Amino acid sequence: MKDGNICFPDDGWYENEEKIPGKCHTYCLTCVGEDIDECLTCDTSLHYVRSNPDVPSSECIPEEGYTRNPKPEEEALKCHYSCKKCVGTGSHECIGECEADRVSPTDVDENHVCLCKNKEFDDEETESCSKCHYSCPTCDGPKEDECTDCDTDVTFRTE
């Protein structure tokens, strides 16, 4: 690539002190070396961002809501819709905080499921928590026959 009379390496490449070109780490768009923590910019089309934008070079990590793809050079994988951060794409692979409408039943440093709050259920169609029928403290859906438990003054009945 040429800027005026100065030539620069193409995206994905760098030039060492001996002026020998080298390939940047997979997730780096531009870099100063081949190592994972030598990225100047990240490939945002693959959902990667710099881990520390306050230093000249740093590692490219998945942006919030994504996790590393085990297949290099492919875009980061989207976390389950209930997770802000994750180690995989399943609902049980959330780490850290949950989305605002959810709670974690475990220590947030461990893998966990982000659950809907009491009197709500996980609505996979809308990818959010929706209200249970007013008589259900827990449920699988919005209808009165979708309760999984009952309030203490109500009897659970299956037909």
Protein backbone atom coordinates (compact mmCIF):
# COMPACT_ATOMS: atom_id res chain seq x y z
CA MET A 1 0.00 0.00 0.00
CA LYS A 2 1.36 3.46 -0.88
CA ASP A 3 0.67 6.78 0.88
CA GLY A 4 2.41 9.57 -1.00
CA ASN A 5 6.00 8.36 -1.47
CA ILE A 6 5.90 5.97 1.52
CA CYS A 7 4.95 2.29 1.17
CA PHE A 8 3.11 0.50 3.98
CA PRO A 9 2.36 -3.21 4.36
CA ASP A 10 -1.15 -4.30 3.33
CA ASP A 11 -3.71 -5.06 6.04
CA GLY A 12 -2.85 -8.32 7.76
CA TRP A 13 0.90 -7.84 7.27
CA TYR A 14 3.74 -6.05 9.08
CA GLU A 15 7.36 -5.26 8.33
CA ASN A 16 10.08 -6.12 10.87
CA GLU A 17 13.31 -4.17 11.52
CA GLU A 18 15.04 -5.92 8.62
CA LYS A 19 12.18 -4.82 6.32
CA ILE A 20 11.02 -8.45 5.96
CA PRO A 21 7.22 -8.78 5.76
CA GLY A 22 5.36 -11.04 8.17
CA LYS A 23 1.74 -12.04 8.59
CA CYS A 24 -0.20 -10.55 11.52
CA HIS A 25 -2.05 -12.76 13.99
CA THR A 26 -5.40 -13.98 12.64
CA TYR A 27 -7.59 -11.39 14.39
CA CYS A 28 -5.33 -8.37 13.74
CA LEU A 29 -6.11 -6.06 10.86
CA THR A 30 -2.85 -4.13 11.35
CA CYS A 31 0.01 -5.04 13.67
CA VAL A 32 3.62 -4.52 14.72
CA GLY A 33 4.44 -8.25 14.90
CA GLU A 34 3.05 -11.75 14.55
CA ASP A 35 2.14 -12.33 18.21
CA ILE A 36 -1.44 -12.23 19.47
CA ASP A 37 -0.76 -9.14 21.63
CA GLU A 38 0.85 -7.05 18.87
CA CYS A 39 -2.33 -5.80 17.17
CA LEU A 40 -2.74 -2.12 16.34
CA THR A 41 -6.27 -2.61 14.96
CA CYS A 42 -8.62 -5.60 14.95
CA ASP A 43 -10.82 -7.10 12.29
CA THR A 44 -14.17 -5.69 13.43
CA SER A 45 -15.96 -7.50 10.59
CA LEU A 46 -15.15 -10.69 12.55
CA HIS A 47 -16.42 -9.04 15.81
CA TYR A 48 -13.00 -8.52 17.43
CA VAL A 49 -11.87 -5.45 19.39
CA ARG A 50 -8.62 -4.49 21.11
CA SER A 51 -8.38 -5.71 24.71
CA ASN A 52 -6.70 -2.49 25.80
CA PRO A 53 -7.06 0.53 23.51
CA ASP A 54 -4.95 2.65 25.91
CA VAL A 55 -1.66 0.98 24.90
CA PRO A 56 0.01 1.06 21.46
CA SER A 57 -0.59 -2.65 20.73
CA SER A 58 -2.73 -5.29 22.41
CA GLU A 59 -4.61 -8.53 21.84
CA CYS A 60 -7.80 -8.69 19.78
CA ILE A 61 -10.63 -10.24 21.77
CA PRO A 62 -14.28 -10.94 20.88
CA GLU A 63 -16.55 -7.94 21.38
CA GLU A 64 -19.19 -8.13 24.13
CA GLY A 65 -21.82 -10.74 23.29
CA TYR A 66 -19.37 -12.89 21.28
CA THR A 67 -16.89 -15.70 21.98
CA ARG A 68 -13.80 -16.89 20.09
CA ASN A 69 -14.49 -19.19 17.17
CA PRO A 70 -12.40 -22.38 17.41
CA LYS A 71 -11.93 -22.08 13.63
CA PRO A 72 -9.30 -19.37 13.09
CA GLU A 73 -10.02 -16.68 10.49
CA GLU A 74 -13.79 -17.05 10.95
CA GLU A 75 -15.97 -14.52 12.71
CA ALA A 76 -16.48 -14.73 16.47
CA LEU A 77 -19.53 -16.72 17.56
CA LYS A 78 -22.55 -14.93 19.02
CA CYS A 79 -23.25 -15.78 22.67
CA HIS A 80 -26.63 -17.14 23.69
CA TYR A 81 -29.05 -14.19 23.80
CA SER A 82 -29.22 -14.31 27.61
CA CYS A 83 -25.44 -13.76 28.06
CA LYS A 84 -23.43 -10.54 27.94
CA LYS A 85 -20.17 -12.54 27.84
CA CYS A 86 -19.63 -16.25 27.28
CA VAL A 87 -17.20 -19.11 26.74
CA GLY A 88 -19.46 -20.81 24.19
CA THR A 89 -22.77 -20.40 22.41
CA GLY A 90 -24.96 -22.45 24.78
CA SER A 91 -27.28 -20.96 27.40
CA HIS A 92 -25.15 -22.65 30.12
CA GLU A 93 -21.92 -20.99 28.94
CA CYS A 94 -22.47 -17.45 30.21
CA ILE A 95 -19.71 -15.81 32.27
CA GLY A 96 -19.85 -12.52 34.14
CA GLU A 97 -22.99 -10.41 34.16
CA CYS A 98 -26.28 -11.47 32.61
CA GLU A 99 -28.41 -9.33 30.31
CA ALA A 100 -30.45 -6.73 32.26
CA ASP A 101 -33.69 -8.76 32.36
CA ARG A 102 -31.94 -11.84 33.84
CA VAL A 103 -30.25 -13.08 37.02
CA SER A 104 -27.43 -15.53 37.68
CA PRO A 105 -28.00 -18.30 40.24
CA THR A 106 -24.24 -18.84 40.74
CA ASP A 107 -20.99 -16.97 41.25
CA VAL A 108 -20.61 -14.81 38.14
CA ASP A 109 -17.00 -15.97 37.61
CA GLU A 110 -18.18 -19.52 36.83
CA ASN A 111 -20.05 -20.77 33.75
CA HIS A 112 -23.74 -20.38 34.41
CA VAL A 113 -27.20 -19.98 32.94
CA CYS A 114 -28.76 -16.52 33.05
CA LEU A 115 -32.31 -17.08 34.25
CA CYS A 116 -35.43 -14.96 33.99
CA LYS A 117 -36.64 -13.35 37.20
CA ASN A 118 -39.47 -14.81 39.29
CA LYS A 119 -42.87 -14.80 37.52
CA GLU A 120 -41.16 -14.68 34.11
CA PHE A 121 -40.18 -17.27 31.51
CA ASP A 122 -37.56 -17.47 28.76
CA ASP A 123 -39.39 -16.61 25.55
CA GLU A 124 -37.13 -18.03 22.84
CA GLU A 125 -39.24 -16.44 20.09
CA THR A 126 -38.58 -12.89 21.33
CA GLU A 127 -35.22 -13.79 22.96
CA SER A 128 -36.30 -12.07 26.16
CA CYS A 129 -38.05 -12.73 29.46
CA SER A 130 -41.85 -12.51 29.35
CA LYS A 131 -44.43 -12.48 32.15
CA CYS A 132 -46.04 -15.70 33.43
CA HIS A 133 -49.78 -15.91 34.00
CA TYR A 134 -50.57 -13.95 37.20
CA SER A 135 -51.21 -17.18 39.16
CA CYS A 136 -47.78 -18.73 38.37
CA PRO A 137 -44.57 -17.93 40.29
CA THR A 138 -42.69 -20.02 37.66
CA CYS A 139 -43.81 -21.15 34.22
CA ASP A 140 -42.88 -22.37 30.74
CA GLY A 141 -45.20 -19.92 28.97
CA PRO A 142 -47.74 -17.12 29.42
CA LYS A 143 -50.90 -19.23 29.76
CA GLU A 144 -52.46 -20.37 33.03
CA ASP A 145 -51.88 -24.03 32.07
CA GLU A 146 -48.12 -23.44 31.64
CA CYS A 147 -47.31 -23.05 35.37
CA THR A 148 -44.41 -25.14 36.66
CA ASP A 149 -45.21 -24.19 40.27
CA CYS A 150 -48.02 -22.41 42.11
CA ASP A 151 -48.30 -19.69 44.73
CA THR A 152 -48.69 -21.13 48.25
CA ASP A 153 -52.42 -20.45 48.38
CA VAL A 154 -53.11 -22.12 44.98
CA THR A 155 -53.16 -25.85 44.17
CA PHE A 156 -51.18 -27.17 41.21
CA ARG A 157 -53.43 -29.17 38.90
CA THR A 158 -52.52 -31.11 35.77
CA GLU A 159 -55.13 -32.40 33.39
